[in-house]
Amino acid sequence: MREEVADGGDGFRISARQVNPDILLVAIAGDLDVLTVAQTATFLTQTAAASTPRHLILDLSEVTFLTSSGIGLLIAASENGTYGRLHLLGVLENRSVQRPLASVGLLGLFDIAPDLDTLLARLRTIEPSSD
């Protein structure tokens, strides 16, 4: 499964890849702000509905700007059982994402991993694989 949405040449991109039947990886690039949050939420809802993942991994390594709207989307995604359990990648090395989350005290709210391999290894130790 691969989908991609681009918005008006402003550099915003979102794509999804099914890692395995239980894990959906969504990569977001560009600004995650009031102009892109609705599009992102729609994309997540449609993509998750098509695959019904147990785990949603958001790769935020290419997010260039994160506003309160984007933070609100992350909070909603973490609370929305439709998407599966939320995990974040690309936060610790990306100041554009880390600083806003840290400034409002939300880094501890999310399951954050430094890379996909580390997260997948962590998930294998927590839950049996259904591959």
C-alpha atoms as a PDB file:
ATOM      1  CA  MET A   1       0.000   0.000   0.000  1.00  0.00           C
ATOM      2  CA  ARG A   2       1.433   3.366  -0.987  1.00  0.00           C
ATOM      3  CA  GLU A   3      -0.418   6.656  -1.147  1.00  0.00           C
ATOM      4  CA  GLU A   4       0.811  10.175  -1.476  1.00  0.00           C
ATOM      5  CA  VAL A   5      -0.832  13.562  -1.287  1.00  0.00           C
ATOM      6  CA  ALA A   6       0.835  16.854  -2.190  1.00  0.00           C
ATOM      7  CA  ASP A   7      -0.584  20.292  -1.490  1.00  0.00           C
ATOM      8  CA  GLY A   8       0.011  23.091  -3.949  1.00  0.00           C
ATOM      9  CA  GLY A   9       3.787  22.904  -4.351  1.00  0.00           C
ATOM     10  CA  ASP A  10       4.460  24.268  -0.865  1.00  0.00           C
ATOM     11  CA  GLY A  11       6.558  21.236   0.029  1.00  0.00           C
ATOM     12  CA  PHE A  12       3.917  19.426   2.102  1.00  0.00           C
ATOM     13  CA  ARG A  13       3.806  15.682   1.468  1.00  0.00           C
ATOM     14  CA  ILE A  14       2.224  12.760   3.239  1.00  0.00           C
ATOM     15  CA  SER A  15       2.620   9.107   2.343  1.00  0.00           C
ATOM     16  CA  ALA A  16       1.726   5.759   3.866  1.00  0.00           C
ATOM     17  CA  ARG A  17       3.244   2.307   3.758  1.00  0.00           C
ATOM     18  CA  GLN A  18       1.943  -0.872   5.352  1.00  0.00           C
ATOM     19  CA  VAL A  19       4.964  -2.302   7.229  1.00  0.00           C
ATOM     20  CA  ASN A  20       3.038  -5.459   8.087  1.00  0.00           C
ATOM     21  CA  PRO A  21      -0.658  -6.220   8.680  1.00  0.00           C
ATOM     22  CA  ASP A  22      -0.519  -4.603  12.125  1.00  0.00           C
ATOM     23  CA  ILE A  23       1.692  -1.580  11.435  1.00  0.00           C
ATOM     24  CA  LEU A  24       1.034   1.454   9.250  1.00  0.00           C
ATOM     25  CA  LEU A  25       3.891   3.915   8.675  1.00  0.00           C
ATOM     26  CA  VAL A  26       2.908   7.445   7.662  1.00  0.00           C
ATOM     27  CA  ALA A  27       5.609   9.924   6.695  1.00  0.00           C
ATOM     28  CA  ILE A  28       4.870  13.644   6.844  1.00  0.00           C
ATOM     29  CA  ALA A  29       7.112  16.276   5.260  1.00  0.00           C
ATOM     30  CA  GLY A  30       6.789  20.049   5.319  1.00  0.00           C
ATOM     31  CA  ASP A  31       4.775  22.236   7.655  1.00  0.00           C
ATOM     32  CA  LEU A  32       2.232  20.581   9.951  1.00  0.00           C
ATOM     33  CA  ASP A  33       0.064  23.598  10.620  1.00  0.00           C
ATOM     34  CA  VAL A  34      -3.462  24.942  10.326  1.00  0.00           C
ATOM     35  CA  LEU A  35      -3.276  24.686   6.512  1.00  0.00           C
ATOM     36  CA  THR A  36      -2.247  21.010   6.443  1.00  0.00           C
ATOM     37  CA  VAL A  37      -3.838  19.503   9.565  1.00  0.00           C
ATOM     38  CA  ALA A  38      -7.263  18.856   8.001  1.00  0.00           C
ATOM     39  CA  GLN A  39      -5.661  17.187   4.986  1.00  0.00           C
ATOM     40  CA  THR A  40      -3.464  15.099   7.283  1.00  0.00           C
ATOM     41  CA  ALA A  41      -6.397  14.056   9.476  1.00  0.00           C
ATOM     42  CA  THR A  42      -8.420  13.023   6.419  1.00  0.00           C
ATOM     43  CA  PHE A  43      -5.469  11.080   5.038  1.00  0.00           C
ATOM     44  CA  LEU A  44      -4.939   9.286   8.363  1.00  0.00           C
ATOM     45  CA  THR A  45      -8.621   8.427   8.699  1.00  0.00           C
ATOM     46  CA  GLN A  46      -8.929   7.079   5.158  1.00  0.00           C
ATOM     47  CA  THR A  47      -5.643   5.184   5.234  1.00  0.00           C
ATOM     48  CA  ALA A  48      -6.259   3.682   8.675  1.00  0.00           C
ATOM     49  CA  ALA A  49      -9.788   2.669   7.696  1.00  0.00           C
ATOM     50  CA  ALA A  50      -8.384   0.789   4.704  1.00  0.00           C
ATOM     51  CA  SER A  51      -5.823  -1.114   6.765  1.00  0.00           C
ATOM     52  CA  THR A  52      -7.115  -1.093  10.379  1.00  0.00           C
ATOM     53  CA  PRO A  53      -3.624  -1.075  11.930  1.00  0.00           C
ATOM     54  CA  ARG A  54      -2.866  -1.946  15.549  1.00  0.00           C
ATOM     55  CA  HIS A  55       0.031   0.518  15.426  1.00  0.00           C
ATOM     56  CA  LEU A  56       0.304   3.846  13.615  1.00  0.00           C
ATOM     57  CA  ILE A  57       3.839   5.136  13.224  1.00  0.00           C
ATOM     58  CA  LEU A  58       4.216   8.784  12.237  1.00  0.00           C
ATOM     59  CA  ASP A  59       7.607   9.642  10.790  1.00  0.00           C
ATOM     60  CA  LEU A  60       8.044  13.342  11.516  1.00  0.00           C
ATOM     61  CA  SER A  61      11.718  13.540  10.536  1.00  0.00           C
ATOM     62  CA  GLU A  62      10.937  15.804   7.567  1.00  0.00           C
ATOM     63  CA  VAL A  63       8.443  18.085   9.323  1.00  0.00           C
ATOM     64  CA  THR A  64       9.827  21.601   9.016  1.00  0.00           C
ATOM     65  CA  PHE A  65       7.346  23.473  11.218  1.00  0.00           C
ATOM     66  CA  LEU A  66       4.939  22.230  13.911  1.00  0.00           C
ATOM     67  CA  THR A  67       2.231  24.523  15.225  1.00  0.00           C
ATOM     68  CA  SER A  68      -0.370  24.097  17.939  1.00  0.00           C
ATOM     69  CA  SER A  69      -2.739  22.764  15.268  1.00  0.00           C
ATOM     70  CA  GLY A  70      -0.216  20.059  14.448  1.00  0.00           C
ATOM     71  CA  ILE A  71       0.264  19.271  18.130  1.00  0.00           C
ATOM     72  CA  GLY A  72      -3.503  18.990  18.490  1.00  0.00           C
ATOM     73  CA  LEU A  73      -3.559  16.515  15.609  1.00  0.00           C
ATOM     74  CA  LEU A  74      -0.874  14.398  17.303  1.00  0.00           C
ATOM     75  CA  ILE A  75      -2.827  14.400  20.567  1.00  0.00           C
ATOM     76  CA  ALA A  76      -6.046  13.449  18.765  1.00  0.00           C
ATOM     77  CA  ALA A  77      -4.243  10.672  16.866  1.00  0.00           C
ATOM     78  CA  SER A  78      -2.850   9.293  20.119  1.00  0.00           C
ATOM     79  CA  GLU A  79      -6.337   9.186  21.614  1.00  0.00           C
ATOM     80  CA  ASN A  80      -8.108   7.826  18.518  1.00  0.00           C
ATOM     81  CA  GLY A  81      -8.349   4.037  18.675  1.00  0.00           C
ATOM     82  CA  THR A  82      -9.261   3.948  14.969  1.00  0.00           C
ATOM     83  CA  TYR A  83      -5.662   4.702  14.057  1.00  0.00           C
ATOM     84  CA  GLY A  84      -4.162   2.124  16.409  1.00  0.00           C
ATOM     85  CA  ARG A  85      -1.536   2.868  19.037  1.00  0.00           C
ATOM     86  CA  LEU A  86       0.491   5.943  18.044  1.00  0.00           C
ATOM     87  CA  HIS A  87       4.291   5.949  17.817  1.00  0.00           C
ATOM     88  CA  LEU A  88       6.479   8.832  16.636  1.00  0.00           C
ATOM     89  CA  LEU A  89       9.758   8.750  14.732  1.00  0.00           C
ATOM     90  CA  GLY A  90      12.062  11.593  13.801  1.00  0.00           C
ATOM     91  CA  VAL A  91      11.305  13.677  16.882  1.00  0.00           C
ATOM     92  CA  LEU A  92      14.512  13.538  18.885  1.00  0.00           C
ATOM     93  CA  GLU A  93      16.755  14.733  16.062  1.00  0.00           C
ATOM     94  CA  ASN A  94      14.277  17.229  14.608  1.00  0.00           C
ATOM     95  CA  ARG A  95      14.231  20.502  16.545  1.00  0.00           C
ATOM     96  CA  SER A  96      11.234  21.704  14.513  1.00  0.00           C
ATOM     97  CA  VAL A  97       9.171  18.972  16.187  1.00  0.00           C
ATOM     98  CA  GLN A  98      11.001  18.381  19.454  1.00  0.00           C
ATOM     99  CA  ARG A  99      11.005  21.983  20.670  1.00  0.00           C
ATOM    100  CA  PRO A 100       7.247  22.629  20.337  1.00  0.00           C
ATOM    101  CA  LEU A 101       6.402  19.292  21.982  1.00  0.00           C
ATOM    102  CA  ALA A 102       8.911  19.881  24.779  1.00  0.00           C
ATOM    103  CA  SER A 103       7.766  23.472  25.334  1.00  0.00           C
ATOM    104  CA  VAL A 104       4.247  22.302  26.151  1.00  0.00           C
ATOM    105  CA  GLY A 105       5.441  19.267  28.128  1.00  0.00           C
ATOM    106  CA  LEU A 106       4.155  16.636  25.711  1.00  0.00           C
ATOM    107  CA  LEU A 107       7.261  14.612  24.855  1.00  0.00           C
ATOM    108  CA  GLY A 108       6.297  12.088  27.527  1.00  0.00           C
ATOM    109  CA  LEU A 109       2.792  11.682  26.087  1.00  0.00           C
ATOM    110  CA  PHE A 110       4.045   9.907  22.974  1.00  0.00           C
ATOM    111  CA  ASP A 111       5.949   6.688  22.332  1.00  0.00           C
ATOM    112  CA  ILE A 112       9.036   8.116  20.620  1.00  0.00           C
ATOM    113  CA  ALA A 113      11.747   6.045  18.970  1.00  0.00           C
ATOM    114  CA  PRO A 114      14.924   7.239  17.251  1.00  0.00           C
ATOM    115  CA  ASP A 115      14.358   5.121  14.124  1.00  0.00           C
ATOM    116  CA  LEU A 116      12.073   2.520  12.577  1.00  0.00           C
ATOM    117  CA  ASP A 117      14.325  -0.459  13.337  1.00  0.00           C
ATOM    118  CA  THR A 118      14.445   0.418  17.047  1.00  0.00           C
ATOM    119  CA  LEU A 119      10.682   0.824  17.204  1.00  0.00           C
ATOM    120  CA  LEU A 120       9.990  -2.427  15.346  1.00  0.00           C
ATOM    121  CA  ALA A 121      12.356  -4.302  17.680  1.00  0.00           C
ATOM    122  CA  ARG A 122      10.557  -2.761  20.661  1.00  0.00           C
ATOM    123  CA  LEU A 123       7.159  -3.787  19.294  1.00  0.00           C
ATOM    124  CA  ARG A 124       8.361  -7.365  18.699  1.00  0.00           C
ATOM    125  CA  THR A 125       9.322  -7.660  22.369  1.00  0.00           C
ATOM    126  CA  ILE A 126       6.004  -6.227  23.555  1.00  0.00           C
ATOM    127  CA  GLU A 127       3.614  -8.138  21.303  1.00  0.00           C
ATOM    128  CA  PRO A 128       3.873 -11.301  19.267  1.00  0.00           C
ATOM    129  CA  SER A 129       4.134 -10.640  15.545  1.00  0.00           C
ATOM    130  CA  SER A 130       1.201 -11.548  13.343  1.00  0.00           C
ATOM    131  CA  ASP A 131       3.268 -11.748  10.149  1.00  0.00           C
END
